[in-house]
Amino acid sequence: MVRIAVLVSGSGTNLQAIIDAIVNDEIKNAEIRLVVSDRRDAYALDRALNNGIDTLFLSKKEYSSDVEFCQALEKKMEQFDIDLIVLAGFLSILSDDFVQRYEGRIMNIHPSLLPAFGGSGFWGLRVHKAALEAGVKVTGASVHFVTSDIDAGPIILQKAIEVPPGISEKELQKLVMNKCEWLILPRAIDLFCNNRIDLKDKLVTIK
């Protein structure tokens, strides 16, 4: 059984998608052991508690640097014997040491077809606003392994959709979540938990 920690900062819709996929046996051989948030009021923590999952609020304000914050986070990962870390709308930047410690075992969901609209400053509605301003006809979401370079790690899965004309950024955000994010993140987790991902030379092959 693969032990998962989900890191979140907001409402936790992707967390809910993971929980539902495990319940429905769409993700096999996995359990969520811990949900961590850097925001005390994140509704994701309530979602976790409602499903009997341990939670942790870890405030960056209590630490003098990202390194110290991630050292505290790493202690919790060790305490819960975590095999896979999933970033599901987690806005804090992880230190290089932490990322290297869990290389190949941290995945992130991003609301664009990377490498488009990724990197520093591209999160949440900002991504969809940028996509609409660029006039793209197709957008989507990506699941990738996390590296020290933001949104630049090896891509595991992507799903694309057409951008309806006249859509707002908030409407596009909901569409991408419904049609892309909530599908490919559970799928990528299932692949990992059942040894179907081969990561070699920064490239992912699905077995």
Protein backbone atom coordinates (compact mmCIF):
# COMPACT_ATOMS: atom_id res chain seq x y z
CA MET A 1 0.00 0.00 0.00
CA VAL A 2 1.47 3.33 -1.11
CA ARG A 3 1.23 5.96 1.62
CA ILE A 4 0.36 9.40 0.24
CA ALA A 5 0.60 12.91 1.65
CA VAL A 6 -1.42 15.59 -0.13
CA LEU A 7 -0.24 19.19 0.23
CA VAL A 8 -2.87 21.90 -0.31
CA SER A 9 -3.47 25.61 0.19
CA GLY A 10 -7.12 26.06 -0.78
CA SER A 11 -10.49 24.37 -0.99
CA GLY A 12 -9.11 20.98 -1.97
CA THR A 13 -11.17 20.04 -5.02
CA ASN A 14 -8.29 17.97 -6.37
CA LEU A 15 -7.92 16.37 -2.95
CA GLN A 16 -11.58 15.40 -3.12
CA ALA A 17 -11.02 13.91 -6.58
CA ILE A 18 -8.22 11.77 -5.15
CA ILE A 19 -10.33 10.68 -2.16
CA ASP A 20 -13.23 9.75 -4.44
CA ALA A 21 -10.95 7.84 -6.82
CA ILE A 22 -9.55 5.76 -3.95
CA VAL A 23 -13.06 5.04 -2.63
CA ASN A 24 -14.21 4.05 -6.13
CA ASP A 25 -11.14 1.83 -6.62
CA GLU A 26 -9.92 3.97 -9.51
CA ILE A 27 -6.69 4.41 -7.56
CA LYS A 28 -5.53 1.02 -6.38
CA ASN A 29 -2.94 0.13 -3.78
CA ALA A 30 -3.00 3.58 -2.14
CA GLU A 31 -4.07 5.41 0.98
CA ILE A 32 -3.89 9.07 1.95
CA ARG A 33 -2.07 9.14 5.28
CA LEU A 34 -1.81 12.91 5.73
CA VAL A 35 -3.14 16.20 4.35
CA VAL A 36 -0.93 19.24 4.96
CA SER A 37 -1.89 22.88 4.44
CA ASP A 38 0.07 26.09 4.80
CA ARG A 39 -3.21 27.93 5.43
CA ARG A 40 -5.22 27.35 8.59
CA ASP A 41 -8.55 28.20 6.91
CA ALA A 42 -8.07 25.90 3.90
CA TYR A 43 -11.30 23.95 3.38
CA ALA A 44 -9.16 21.04 2.22
CA LEU A 45 -8.43 20.34 5.88
CA ASP A 46 -12.16 19.93 6.53
CA ARG A 47 -12.45 17.57 3.56
CA ALA A 48 -9.67 15.45 5.03
CA LEU A 49 -11.17 15.37 8.51
CA ASN A 50 -14.58 14.47 7.06
CA ASN A 51 -12.91 11.43 5.51
CA GLY A 52 -10.98 10.35 8.57
CA ILE A 53 -7.60 11.54 7.28
CA ASP A 54 -4.97 13.07 9.56
CA THR A 55 -4.29 16.76 8.95
CA LEU A 56 -1.53 19.22 9.66
CA PHE A 57 -1.41 23.01 9.47
CA LEU A 58 2.16 24.15 8.94
CA SER A 59 2.62 27.93 8.97
CA LYS A 60 5.57 29.37 7.07
CA LYS A 61 5.50 32.35 9.44
CA GLU A 62 6.80 30.11 12.21
CA TYR A 63 10.03 29.45 10.31
CA SER A 64 12.83 31.79 9.32
CA SER A 65 13.33 30.31 5.84
CA ASP A 66 11.93 27.93 3.24
CA VAL A 67 14.66 25.49 4.25
CA GLU A 68 13.49 25.38 7.89
CA PHE A 69 9.86 25.11 6.79
CA CYS A 70 10.71 22.15 4.58
CA GLN A 71 12.79 20.53 7.29
CA ALA A 72 9.70 20.55 9.52
CA LEU A 73 7.66 19.20 6.61
CA GLU A 74 10.19 16.44 5.99
CA LYS A 75 9.97 15.33 9.64
CA LYS A 76 6.22 14.88 9.18
CA MET A 77 6.75 12.93 5.96
CA GLU A 78 9.09 10.60 7.85
CA GLN A 79 6.74 10.34 10.82
CA PHE A 80 3.91 9.16 8.55
CA ASP A 81 6.25 7.03 6.42
CA ILE A 82 5.14 8.77 3.23
CA ASP A 83 5.95 7.19 -0.15
CA LEU A 84 4.39 9.78 -2.47
CA ILE A 85 3.81 13.52 -2.04
CA VAL A 86 1.08 15.11 -4.15
CA LEU A 87 0.92 18.88 -4.55
CA ALA A 88 -2.74 19.70 -5.17
CA GLY A 89 -2.88 23.47 -5.22
CA PHE A 90 0.01 23.97 -2.76
CA LEU A 91 1.34 27.51 -3.07
CA SER A 92 4.48 27.31 -0.92
CA ILE A 93 7.76 26.76 -2.71
CA LEU A 94 9.65 23.66 -1.60
CA SER A 95 13.38 23.94 -0.91
CA ASP A 96 15.91 22.35 -3.25
CA ASP A 97 17.03 19.97 -0.50
CA PHE A 98 13.47 18.76 0.07
CA VAL A 99 12.82 18.27 -3.64
CA GLN A 100 16.05 16.36 -4.09
CA ARG A 101 15.30 14.22 -1.03
CA TYR A 102 12.01 13.11 -2.60
CA GLU A 103 13.09 13.14 -6.25
CA GLY A 104 10.69 11.10 -8.34
CA ARG A 105 8.21 10.95 -5.47
CA ILE A 106 6.61 14.42 -5.64
CA MET A 107 4.00 15.16 -8.29
CA ASN A 108 2.10 18.36 -9.00
CA ILE A 109 -1.04 19.27 -10.93
CA HIS A 110 -0.82 22.44 -13.03
CA PRO A 111 -3.76 24.02 -14.90
CA SER A 112 -2.14 24.42 -18.31
CA LEU A 113 -0.45 22.37 -20.98
CA LEU A 114 3.10 22.78 -19.78
CA PRO A 115 5.49 24.27 -20.66
CA ALA A 116 2.91 26.91 -21.62
CA PHE A 117 1.85 29.25 -18.80
CA GLY A 118 4.06 27.70 -16.16
CA GLY A 119 6.78 28.90 -13.85
CA SER A 120 7.01 31.58 -11.19
CA GLY A 121 3.82 33.60 -10.80
CA PHE A 122 1.61 31.23 -12.79
CA TRP A 123 -0.96 29.72 -10.44
CA GLY A 124 -4.73 29.70 -10.04
CA LEU A 125 -6.70 32.18 -12.11
CA ARG A 126 -3.47 33.83 -13.30
CA VAL A 127 -2.84 30.82 -15.53
CA HIS A 128 -6.25 30.98 -17.19
CA LYS A 129 -6.10 34.76 -17.54
CA ALA A 130 -2.77 34.43 -19.34
CA ALA A 131 -4.13 31.71 -21.60
CA LEU A 132 -7.13 33.80 -22.61
CA GLU A 133 -4.99 36.89 -23.16
CA ALA A 134 -2.74 34.84 -25.43
CA GLY A 135 -5.75 33.77 -27.44
CA VAL A 136 -5.04 30.06 -27.24
CA LYS A 137 -7.61 27.74 -28.81
CA VAL A 138 -6.59 24.74 -26.70
CA THR A 139 -5.67 24.51 -23.03
CA GLY A 140 -5.72 21.83 -20.37
CA ALA A 141 -3.80 20.49 -17.41
CA SER A 142 -0.55 18.67 -16.68
CA VAL A 143 0.68 16.33 -13.97
CA HIS A 144 4.45 16.39 -13.59
CA PHE A 145 7.18 15.37 -11.21
CA VAL A 146 8.49 18.25 -9.14
CA THR A 147 12.04 19.48 -9.58
CA SER A 148 13.91 22.53 -8.34
CA ASP A 149 12.77 24.44 -11.44
CA ILE A 150 9.13 25.51 -11.02
CA ASP A 151 6.71 23.61 -13.29
CA ALA A 152 9.60 22.24 -15.32
CA GLY A 153 9.77 18.64 -14.12
CA PRO A 154 9.12 15.55 -16.25
CA ILE A 155 5.51 15.43 -17.45
CA ILE A 156 3.52 12.35 -16.46
CA LEU A 157 0.14 13.06 -18.06
CA GLN A 158 -1.61 15.88 -19.90
CA LYS A 159 -5.17 16.39 -21.06
CA ALA A 160 -6.30 19.04 -23.52
CA ILE A 161 -9.63 20.74 -24.19
CA GLU A 162 -10.79 23.38 -26.63
CA VAL A 163 -11.31 26.87 -25.24
CA PRO A 164 -14.93 27.94 -25.83
CA PRO A 165 -15.27 31.42 -27.36
CA GLY A 166 -16.20 34.19 -24.96
CA ILE A 167 -15.44 32.19 -21.82
CA SER A 168 -14.28 34.01 -18.68
CA GLU A 169 -11.17 33.04 -16.73
CA LYS A 170 -13.28 31.75 -13.82
CA GLU A 171 -15.40 29.67 -16.19
CA LEU A 172 -12.27 28.33 -17.85
CA GLN A 173 -10.82 27.42 -14.47
CA LYS A 174 -13.91 25.36 -13.63
CA LEU A 175 -13.90 23.72 -17.05
CA VAL A 176 -10.23 22.72 -16.80
CA MET A 177 -10.78 21.32 -13.32
CA ASN A 178 -13.81 19.28 -14.35
CA LYS A 179 -12.56 18.03 -17.71
CA CYS A 180 -8.84 17.71 -17.03
CA GLU A 181 -7.46 18.05 -13.51
CA TRP A 182 -9.88 15.76 -11.68
CA LEU A 183 -9.26 13.06 -14.28
CA ILE A 184 -5.52 13.03 -14.83
CA LEU A 185 -4.32 13.59 -11.26
CA PRO A 186 -6.00 10.42 -9.90
CA ARG A 187 -4.84 8.58 -13.02
CA ALA A 188 -1.22 9.64 -12.50
CA ILE A 189 -1.37 8.61 -8.84
CA ASP A 190 -2.75 5.20 -9.79
CA LEU A 191 0.07 4.74 -12.30
CA PHE A 192 2.66 5.59 -9.66
CA CYS A 193 1.10 3.37 -6.99
CA ASN A 194 1.09 0.40 -9.32
CA ASN A 195 4.65 0.78 -10.64
CA ARG A 196 3.62 1.83 -14.13
CA ILE A 197 5.76 4.96 -14.35
CA ASP A 198 9.34 4.67 -15.55
CA LEU A 199 11.36 7.84 -14.96
CA LYS A 200 14.69 7.86 -16.73
CA ASP A 201 16.86 10.74 -17.97
CA LYS A 202 14.11 13.20 -17.00
CA LEU A 203 11.61 11.50 -19.28
CA VAL A 204 8.51 9.58 -18.22
CA THR A 205 7.42 6.36 -19.88
CA ILE A 206 4.12 4.72 -18.99
CA LYS A 207 4.42 0.95 -18.75
